[in-house]
Amino acid sequence: MFVFTLGITKQDYLQFIKLHKKLRYKLLYTILNILLGVIIAALSVMAVLFCVEGLWTTSLIRSYLLFAAALVFWFLINRLTVGLNYKHIYPFGQNVICFEDDGITEKADKAETRMQYDAIREICHYRDAWYLYVDKNHAVLLPGHCLTNGDAASFGAFLSGKTGMEIKEIK
């Protein structure tokens, strides 16, 4: 039996967000990064040309400043909301997840949930944590530092054997 006593930290949550973006939104983020790079390159070329030709005007400078302020604001809001969302994971004490031969049990102070191994759709291992996806957007986070009974090396083999799936190693 393997037991995880979950005390999810902010770092665990941010690592999960990073993995989730890598797995689910890779194409979208690639396109956005390319688009943002093209916009920045175009603005840089325009700025150089305007400086060389002396075509800077007050309204043009105002437009560039507004655009730059919007980019900074978007970046800050995106970072801030990702950092705040982790507080909503296991806010009431520590949950204990037990991996037994016949299924997975999650125990909280006043509740208990049971899940069969066939409910798991995908298993990912990223850095020192396992992520058990039950559907496209929902996963059980299992940080390695929360493993209190059993060892990390044999947990992966146990999980793979019970689900019949290979563990996807993410780099």
Foldseek 3Di string as FASTA:
>chain_A
DWKFWDDDDLVLLVLVVVVLCVPPVVVVVVVVVVVVVVVVVVVVVVVVVCVVVVVDDPVVVVVVVVVVVVVVVVVVVVVVVSSPVVCPPCVDHIWMWDQDLQFIWIDDPPDIDTDGLQLFDAWEDEDQWIWGDSDSPDTDIGGNVRTDDDHPVCVQVVSCVRNVDHYHYDD
